[in-house]
């Protein structure tokens, strides 16, 4: 009961002082325009992260791309890519159901960001096939 009264008094005091001194309470909607908003267009123009490698695994939701010097080396890690993941040479890339990729295909992946996981997952990726 005492706690409930204390909360009521504290809230009343905070709101009362806020309105009395023309200060907007922190949780109230303000009509002032914030000058620190970042326009969406500048977020979209941020530099993207790039990753080049060979496809070593494909399922219905993700590609696993290995950054190795040759296709043969990449495919040798096809069933045991965790060693490359610990060296930050693996990237998981989300794909749409209609996308078709083949094992051993070389790709450039550009992403807005990567997750902080092992292996990282590309966020909002753009995938380009490299013709050799």
N, C-alpha and C. Protein backbone atom coordinates (compact mmCIF):
# COMPACT_ATOMS: atom_id res chain seq x y z
N UNK A 1 0.83 -1.19 0.00
CA UNK A 1 0.00 0.00 0.00
C UNK A 1 0.88 1.26 0.00
N UNK A 2 1.93 1.25 0.84
CA UNK A 2 2.84 2.39 0.92
C UNK A 2 3.55 2.60 -0.42
N UNK A 3 3.96 1.51 -1.07
CA UNK A 3 4.65 1.59 -2.35
C UNK A 3 3.75 2.21 -3.41
N UNK A 4 2.48 1.83 -3.40
CA UNK A 4 1.53 2.35 -4.37
C UNK A 4 1.36 3.87 -4.20
N UNK A 5 1.29 4.32 -2.94
CA UNK A 5 1.16 5.76 -2.67
C UNK A 5 2.43 6.49 -3.10
N UNK A 6 3.57 5.89 -2.82
CA UNK A 6 4.85 6.50 -3.18
C UNK A 6 4.96 6.68 -4.70
N UNK A 7 4.57 5.67 -5.45
CA UNK A 7 4.61 5.74 -6.91
C UNK A 7 3.65 6.81 -7.40
N UNK A 8 2.46 6.88 -6.83
CA UNK A 8 1.47 7.89 -7.22
C UNK A 8 1.99 9.29 -6.94
N UNK A 9 2.59 9.51 -5.77
CA UNK A 9 3.12 10.82 -5.42
C UNK A 9 4.27 11.20 -6.34
N UNK A 10 5.17 10.26 -6.61
CA UNK A 10 6.32 10.54 -7.47
C UNK A 10 5.87 10.89 -8.89
N UNK A 11 4.90 10.16 -9.40
CA UNK A 11 4.39 10.43 -10.75
C UNK A 11 3.71 11.78 -10.81
N UNK A 12 2.89 12.07 -9.83
CA UNK A 12 2.20 13.36 -9.79
C UNK A 12 3.19 14.51 -9.70
N UNK A 13 4.19 14.36 -8.86
CA UNK A 13 5.21 15.38 -8.70
C UNK A 13 5.99 15.59 -10.01
N UNK A 14 6.38 14.50 -10.66
CA UNK A 14 7.14 14.61 -11.90
C UNK A 14 6.32 15.29 -12.99
N UNK A 15 5.08 14.88 -13.14
CA UNK A 15 4.22 15.50 -14.16
C UNK A 15 3.92 16.95 -13.81
N UNK A 16 3.63 17.20 -12.55
CA UNK A 16 3.30 18.56 -12.11
C UNK A 16 4.45 19.51 -12.34
N UNK A 17 5.65 19.12 -11.93
CA UNK A 17 6.82 19.98 -12.14
C UNK A 17 7.13 20.13 -13.62
N UNK A 18 6.97 19.06 -14.36
CA UNK A 18 7.24 19.11 -15.80
C UNK A 18 6.35 20.11 -16.50
N UNK A 19 5.07 20.09 -16.23
CA UNK A 19 4.15 21.01 -16.88
C UNK A 19 4.27 22.43 -16.30
N UNK A 20 4.56 22.54 -14.99
CA UNK A 20 4.69 23.86 -14.37
C UNK A 20 5.88 24.63 -14.91
N UNK A 21 6.97 23.93 -15.15
CA UNK A 21 8.19 24.58 -15.62
C UNK A 21 8.32 24.52 -17.14
N UNK A 22 7.26 24.16 -17.83
CA UNK A 22 7.22 24.06 -19.30
C UNK A 22 8.25 23.08 -19.84
N UNK A 23 8.47 22.03 -19.12
CA UNK A 23 9.37 20.98 -19.57
C UNK A 23 8.51 19.77 -19.92
N UNK A 24 8.74 19.22 -21.07
CA UNK A 24 7.98 18.04 -21.48
C UNK A 24 8.53 16.83 -20.75
N UNK A 25 7.69 16.06 -20.10
CA UNK A 25 8.17 14.83 -19.48
C UNK A 25 8.79 13.90 -20.52
N UNK A 26 9.71 13.08 -20.08
CA UNK A 26 10.47 12.23 -21.00
C UNK A 26 9.58 11.31 -21.81
N UNK A 27 8.47 10.86 -21.25
CA UNK A 27 7.64 9.90 -21.96
C UNK A 27 6.48 10.56 -22.70
N UNK A 28 6.39 11.87 -22.69
CA UNK A 28 5.31 12.56 -23.39
C UNK A 28 5.73 12.88 -24.82
N UNK A 29 4.77 13.00 -25.70
CA UNK A 29 5.03 13.33 -27.09
C UNK A 29 5.37 14.81 -27.20
N UNK A 30 6.42 15.13 -27.89
CA UNK A 30 6.83 16.51 -28.05
C UNK A 30 6.51 16.99 -29.45
N UNK A 31 6.13 18.25 -29.57
CA UNK A 31 5.84 18.82 -30.88
C UNK A 31 7.09 19.36 -31.55
N UNK A 32 8.20 19.38 -30.84
CA UNK A 32 9.44 19.90 -31.40
C UNK A 32 10.04 18.87 -32.35
N UNK A 33 10.66 19.36 -33.41
CA UNK A 33 11.31 18.49 -34.38
C UNK A 33 12.74 18.26 -33.91
N UNK A 34 13.13 17.02 -33.87
CA UNK A 34 14.48 16.69 -33.46
C UNK A 34 15.46 17.02 -34.59
N UNK A 35 16.57 17.61 -34.25
CA UNK A 35 17.58 17.95 -35.26
C UNK A 35 18.60 16.84 -35.42
N UNK A 36 18.47 15.75 -34.67
CA UNK A 36 19.44 14.68 -34.76
C UNK A 36 18.94 13.49 -35.57
N UNK A 37 17.81 13.61 -36.22
CA UNK A 37 17.30 12.51 -37.03
C UNK A 37 18.19 12.31 -38.25
N UNK A 38 18.46 11.05 -38.58
CA UNK A 38 19.24 10.73 -39.76
C UNK A 38 18.29 10.39 -40.89
N UNK A 39 18.40 11.07 -42.01
CA UNK A 39 17.50 10.76 -43.12
C UNK A 39 17.72 9.33 -43.63
N UNK A 40 16.66 8.71 -44.07
CA UNK A 40 16.74 7.33 -44.54
C UNK A 40 17.68 7.22 -45.73
N UNK A 41 17.69 8.21 -46.59
CA UNK A 41 18.54 8.15 -47.78
C UNK A 41 20.01 8.03 -47.42
N UNK A 42 20.46 8.66 -46.33
CA UNK A 42 21.86 8.55 -45.95
C UNK A 42 22.17 7.18 -45.38
N UNK A 43 21.19 6.54 -44.75
CA UNK A 43 21.39 5.17 -44.27
C UNK A 43 21.54 4.24 -45.46
N UNK A 44 20.72 4.45 -46.49
CA UNK A 44 20.78 3.60 -47.66
C UNK A 44 22.07 3.79 -48.44
N UNK A 45 22.70 4.95 -48.32
CA UNK A 45 23.93 5.23 -49.05
C UNK A 45 25.19 4.83 -48.30
N UNK A 46 25.04 4.23 -47.13
CA UNK A 46 26.21 3.82 -46.38
C UNK A 46 26.97 2.75 -47.16
N UNK A 47 28.26 2.71 -46.93
CA UNK A 47 29.10 1.75 -47.62
C UNK A 47 28.72 0.34 -47.20
N UNK A 48 28.68 -0.56 -48.17
CA UNK A 48 28.31 -1.94 -47.89
C UNK A 48 29.55 -2.78 -47.68
N UNK A 49 29.40 -3.85 -46.91
CA UNK A 49 30.48 -4.80 -46.68
C UNK A 49 30.51 -5.77 -47.85
N UNK A 50 31.69 -6.13 -48.31
CA UNK A 50 31.78 -7.07 -49.43
C UNK A 50 32.47 -8.36 -49.00
N UNK A 51 32.11 -9.44 -49.67
CA UNK A 51 32.67 -10.76 -49.39
C UNK A 51 32.65 -11.52 -50.70
N UNK A 52 33.78 -12.08 -51.08
CA UNK A 52 33.87 -12.85 -52.32
C UNK A 52 34.28 -14.27 -51.97
N UNK A 53 33.60 -15.23 -52.57
CA UNK A 53 33.93 -16.61 -52.29
C UNK A 53 33.13 -17.57 -53.15
N UNK A 54 33.28 -18.85 -52.83
CA UNK A 54 32.64 -19.92 -53.57
C UNK A 54 31.53 -20.55 -52.74
N UNK A 55 30.44 -20.91 -53.40
CA UNK A 55 29.32 -21.55 -52.73
C UNK A 55 29.73 -22.97 -52.36
N UNK A 56 29.65 -23.32 -51.06
CA UNK A 56 29.97 -24.68 -50.65
C UNK A 56 28.77 -25.40 -50.05
N UNK A 57 27.66 -24.68 -49.86
CA UNK A 57 26.45 -25.31 -49.34
C UNK A 57 25.25 -24.47 -49.75
N UNK A 58 24.17 -25.16 -50.14
CA UNK A 58 22.94 -24.49 -50.53
C UNK A 58 21.78 -25.23 -49.88
N UNK A 59 20.89 -24.49 -49.20
CA UNK A 59 19.63 -25.08 -48.75
C UNK A 59 18.51 -24.12 -49.13
N UNK A 60 17.33 -24.34 -48.64
CA UNK A 60 16.19 -23.53 -49.08
C UNK A 60 16.22 -22.10 -48.53
N UNK A 61 17.06 -21.83 -47.52
CA UNK A 61 17.07 -20.50 -46.91
C UNK A 61 18.43 -19.79 -46.99
N UNK A 62 19.52 -20.55 -47.02
CA UNK A 62 20.85 -19.94 -46.95
C UNK A 62 21.83 -20.56 -47.93
N UNK A 63 22.78 -19.73 -48.35
CA UNK A 63 24.00 -20.19 -49.01
C UNK A 63 25.11 -20.13 -47.98
N UNK A 64 26.07 -21.01 -48.08
CA UNK A 64 27.30 -20.88 -47.31
C UNK A 64 28.39 -20.60 -48.32
N UNK A 65 29.05 -19.45 -48.17
CA UNK A 65 30.07 -19.00 -49.11
C UNK A 65 31.41 -19.01 -48.39
N UNK A 66 32.42 -19.64 -49.03
CA UNK A 66 33.76 -19.74 -48.45
C UNK A 66 34.73 -18.84 -49.21
N UNK A 67 35.47 -18.04 -48.47
CA UNK A 67 36.48 -17.15 -49.05
C UNK A 67 37.81 -17.90 -49.10
N UNK A 68 38.04 -18.58 -50.21
CA UNK A 68 39.30 -19.31 -50.41
C UNK A 68 39.89 -18.89 -51.75
N UNK A 69 41.14 -19.27 -51.99
CA UNK A 69 41.80 -18.84 -53.23
C UNK A 69 41.33 -19.63 -54.45
N UNK A 70 40.89 -20.87 -54.26
CA UNK A 70 40.43 -21.66 -55.41
C UNK A 70 39.10 -22.34 -55.10
N UNK A 71 38.41 -22.70 -56.17
CA UNK A 71 37.14 -23.42 -56.04
C UNK A 71 37.38 -24.80 -55.41
N UNK A 72 38.45 -25.46 -55.81
CA UNK A 72 38.75 -26.80 -55.29
C UNK A 72 38.98 -26.75 -53.78
N UNK A 73 39.72 -25.73 -53.33
CA UNK A 73 39.96 -25.59 -51.89
C UNK A 73 38.64 -25.36 -51.15
N UNK A 74 37.79 -24.51 -51.70
CA UNK A 74 36.49 -24.23 -51.07
C UNK A 74 35.67 -25.51 -50.96
N UNK A 75 35.60 -26.27 -52.05
CA UNK A 75 34.79 -27.49 -52.04
C UNK A 75 35.36 -28.56 -51.11
N UNK A 76 36.67 -28.50 -50.83
CA UNK A 76 37.25 -29.46 -49.89
C UNK A 76 36.75 -29.23 -48.47
N UNK A 77 36.24 -28.03 -48.19
CA UNK A 77 35.68 -27.72 -46.87
C UNK A 77 34.16 -27.89 -46.84
N UNK A 78 33.59 -28.46 -47.87
CA UNK A 78 32.14 -28.54 -48.01
C UNK A 78 31.47 -29.21 -46.81
N UNK A 79 32.04 -30.27 -46.29
CA UNK A 79 31.42 -30.98 -45.16
C UNK A 79 32.02 -30.62 -43.82
N UNK A 80 33.02 -29.75 -43.80
CA UNK A 80 33.68 -29.38 -42.55
C UNK A 80 34.13 -27.93 -42.63
N UNK A 81 33.17 -27.01 -42.75
CA UNK A 81 33.52 -25.61 -42.94
C UNK A 81 33.71 -24.83 -41.64
N UNK A 82 33.57 -25.48 -40.49
CA UNK A 82 33.73 -24.76 -39.22
C UNK A 82 35.16 -24.28 -39.01
N UNK A 83 36.13 -24.99 -39.60
CA UNK A 83 37.52 -24.52 -39.50
C UNK A 83 37.67 -23.16 -40.18
N UNK A 84 37.06 -23.01 -41.36
CA UNK A 84 37.09 -21.71 -42.05
C UNK A 84 36.27 -20.67 -41.31
N UNK A 85 35.19 -21.09 -40.68
CA UNK A 85 34.34 -20.14 -39.93
C UNK A 85 35.13 -19.51 -38.80
N UNK A 86 35.97 -20.29 -38.14
CA UNK A 86 36.77 -19.74 -37.04
C UNK A 86 37.82 -18.75 -37.54
N UNK A 87 38.11 -18.78 -38.84
CA UNK A 87 39.07 -17.84 -39.45
C UNK A 87 38.36 -16.68 -40.15
N UNK A 88 37.05 -16.56 -39.95
CA UNK A 88 36.23 -15.52 -40.60
C UNK A 88 36.28 -15.60 -42.12
N UNK A 89 36.31 -16.82 -42.65
CA UNK A 89 36.32 -17.02 -44.09
C UNK A 89 35.03 -17.67 -44.60
N UNK A 90 34.00 -17.65 -43.77
CA UNK A 90 32.69 -18.21 -44.14
C UNK A 90 31.64 -17.13 -43.92
N UNK A 91 30.69 -17.05 -44.84
CA UNK A 91 29.55 -16.14 -44.70
C UNK A 91 28.29 -16.90 -45.09
N UNK A 92 27.28 -16.82 -44.22
CA UNK A 92 25.96 -17.37 -44.56
C UNK A 92 25.15 -16.25 -45.19
N UNK A 93 24.49 -16.56 -46.29
CA UNK A 93 23.77 -15.55 -47.06
C UNK A 93 22.32 -16.01 -47.23
N UNK A 94 21.36 -15.24 -46.71
CA UNK A 94 19.96 -15.62 -46.92
C UNK A 94 19.57 -15.45 -48.38
N UNK A 95 18.76 -16.41 -48.88
CA UNK A 95 18.32 -16.35 -50.27
C UNK A 95 16.81 -16.52 -50.35
N UNK A 96 16.25 -16.11 -51.47
CA UNK A 96 14.82 -16.31 -51.72
C UNK A 96 14.61 -17.70 -52.31
N UNK A 97 13.39 -18.18 -52.23
CA UNK A 97 13.11 -19.53 -52.70
C UNK A 97 13.30 -19.69 -54.21
N UNK A 98 13.18 -18.62 -54.98
CA UNK A 98 13.33 -18.72 -56.43
C UNK A 98 14.76 -18.59 -56.92
N UNK A 99 15.70 -18.30 -56.03
CA UNK A 99 17.10 -18.13 -56.43
C UNK A 99 17.75 -19.49 -56.69
N UNK A 100 18.59 -19.56 -57.72
CA UNK A 100 19.29 -20.80 -58.06
C UNK A 100 20.79 -20.57 -58.03
N UNK A 101 21.47 -21.30 -57.18
CA UNK A 101 22.92 -21.22 -57.08
C UNK A 101 23.47 -22.63 -57.08
N UNK A 102 24.66 -22.80 -57.68
CA UNK A 102 25.29 -24.11 -57.77
C UNK A 102 26.51 -24.17 -56.87
N UNK A 103 26.82 -25.38 -56.40
CA UNK A 103 28.03 -25.58 -55.62
C UNK A 103 29.24 -25.20 -56.47
N UNK A 104 30.19 -24.51 -55.88
CA UNK A 104 31.39 -24.10 -56.58
C UNK A 104 31.27 -22.79 -57.34
N UNK A 105 30.08 -22.23 -57.37
CA UNK A 105 29.87 -20.96 -58.08
C UNK A 105 30.52 -19.82 -57.31
N UNK A 106 31.23 -18.93 -58.01
CA UNK A 106 31.90 -17.80 -57.35
C UNK A 106 30.94 -16.62 -57.29
N UNK A 107 30.86 -16.00 -56.10
CA UNK A 107 29.93 -14.90 -55.87
C UNK A 107 30.62 -13.73 -55.20
N UNK A 108 30.13 -12.53 -55.51
CA UNK A 108 30.43 -11.34 -54.72
C UNK A 108 29.17 -11.05 -53.92
N UNK A 109 29.30 -10.93 -52.62
CA UNK A 109 28.17 -10.63 -51.75
C UNK A 109 28.41 -9.27 -51.12
N UNK A 110 27.44 -8.37 -51.28
CA UNK A 110 27.50 -7.05 -50.66
C UNK A 110 26.36 -6.98 -49.66
N UNK A 111 26.65 -6.57 -48.43
CA UNK A 111 25.63 -6.55 -47.39
C UNK A 111 25.69 -5.25 -46.60
N UNK A 112 24.55 -4.84 -46.07
CA UNK A 112 24.48 -3.65 -45.22
C UNK A 112 25.23 -3.88 -43.91
N UNK A 113 25.17 -5.12 -43.42
CA UNK A 113 25.85 -5.48 -42.16
C UNK A 113 25.94 -6.99 -42.08
N UNK A 114 26.67 -7.47 -41.08
CA UNK A 114 26.76 -8.89 -40.78
C UNK A 114 26.38 -9.07 -39.33
N UNK A 115 25.81 -10.22 -39.02
CA UNK A 115 25.51 -10.52 -37.62
C UNK A 115 26.81 -10.84 -36.89
N UNK A 116 26.77 -10.74 -35.56
CA UNK A 116 27.94 -11.07 -34.74
C UNK A 116 27.85 -12.52 -34.30
N UNK A 117 27.81 -13.42 -35.27
CA UNK A 117 27.74 -14.84 -34.98
C UNK A 117 28.86 -15.55 -35.74
N UNK A 118 29.05 -16.81 -35.43
CA UNK A 118 30.03 -17.61 -36.16
C UNK A 118 29.27 -18.75 -36.81
N UNK A 119 29.19 -18.80 -38.12
CA UNK A 119 29.63 -17.78 -39.07
C UNK A 119 28.66 -16.61 -39.11
N UNK A 120 29.13 -15.46 -39.57
CA UNK A 120 28.21 -14.32 -39.67
C UNK A 120 27.18 -14.54 -40.77
N UNK A 121 26.05 -13.86 -40.63
CA UNK A 121 24.99 -13.92 -41.63
C UNK A 121 24.87 -12.53 -42.25
N UNK A 122 24.84 -12.47 -43.57
CA UNK A 122 24.72 -11.20 -44.28
C UNK A 122 23.33 -10.62 -44.08
N UNK A 123 23.26 -9.32 -43.81
CA UNK A 123 21.98 -8.62 -43.63
C UNK A 123 21.73 -7.78 -44.87
N UNK A 124 20.57 -7.94 -45.46
CA UNK A 124 20.17 -7.25 -46.69
C UNK A 124 21.23 -7.42 -47.79
N UNK A 125 21.52 -8.67 -48.18
CA UNK A 125 22.59 -8.89 -49.15
C UNK A 125 22.17 -8.61 -50.60
N UNK A 126 23.17 -8.23 -51.38
CA UNK A 126 23.06 -8.17 -52.84
C UNK A 126 24.08 -9.16 -53.35
N UNK A 127 23.64 -10.09 -54.19
CA UNK A 127 24.51 -11.17 -54.65
C UNK A 127 24.79 -11.00 -56.14
N UNK A 128 26.08 -11.03 -56.49
CA UNK A 128 26.49 -10.96 -57.90
C UNK A 128 27.26 -12.23 -58.24
N UNK A 129 26.90 -12.85 -59.35
CA UNK A 129 27.65 -14.02 -59.82
C UNK A 129 28.88 -13.53 -60.57
N UNK A 130 30.02 -14.15 -60.28
CA UNK A 130 31.29 -13.79 -60.93
C UNK A 130 31.52 -14.75 -62.08
N UNK A 131 31.71 -14.21 -63.28
CA UNK A 131 31.99 -15.04 -64.45
C UNK A 131 33.50 -15.10 -64.62
N UNK A 132 34.03 -16.33 -64.60
CA UNK A 132 35.48 -16.49 -64.72
C UNK A 132 35.85 -17.00 -66.09
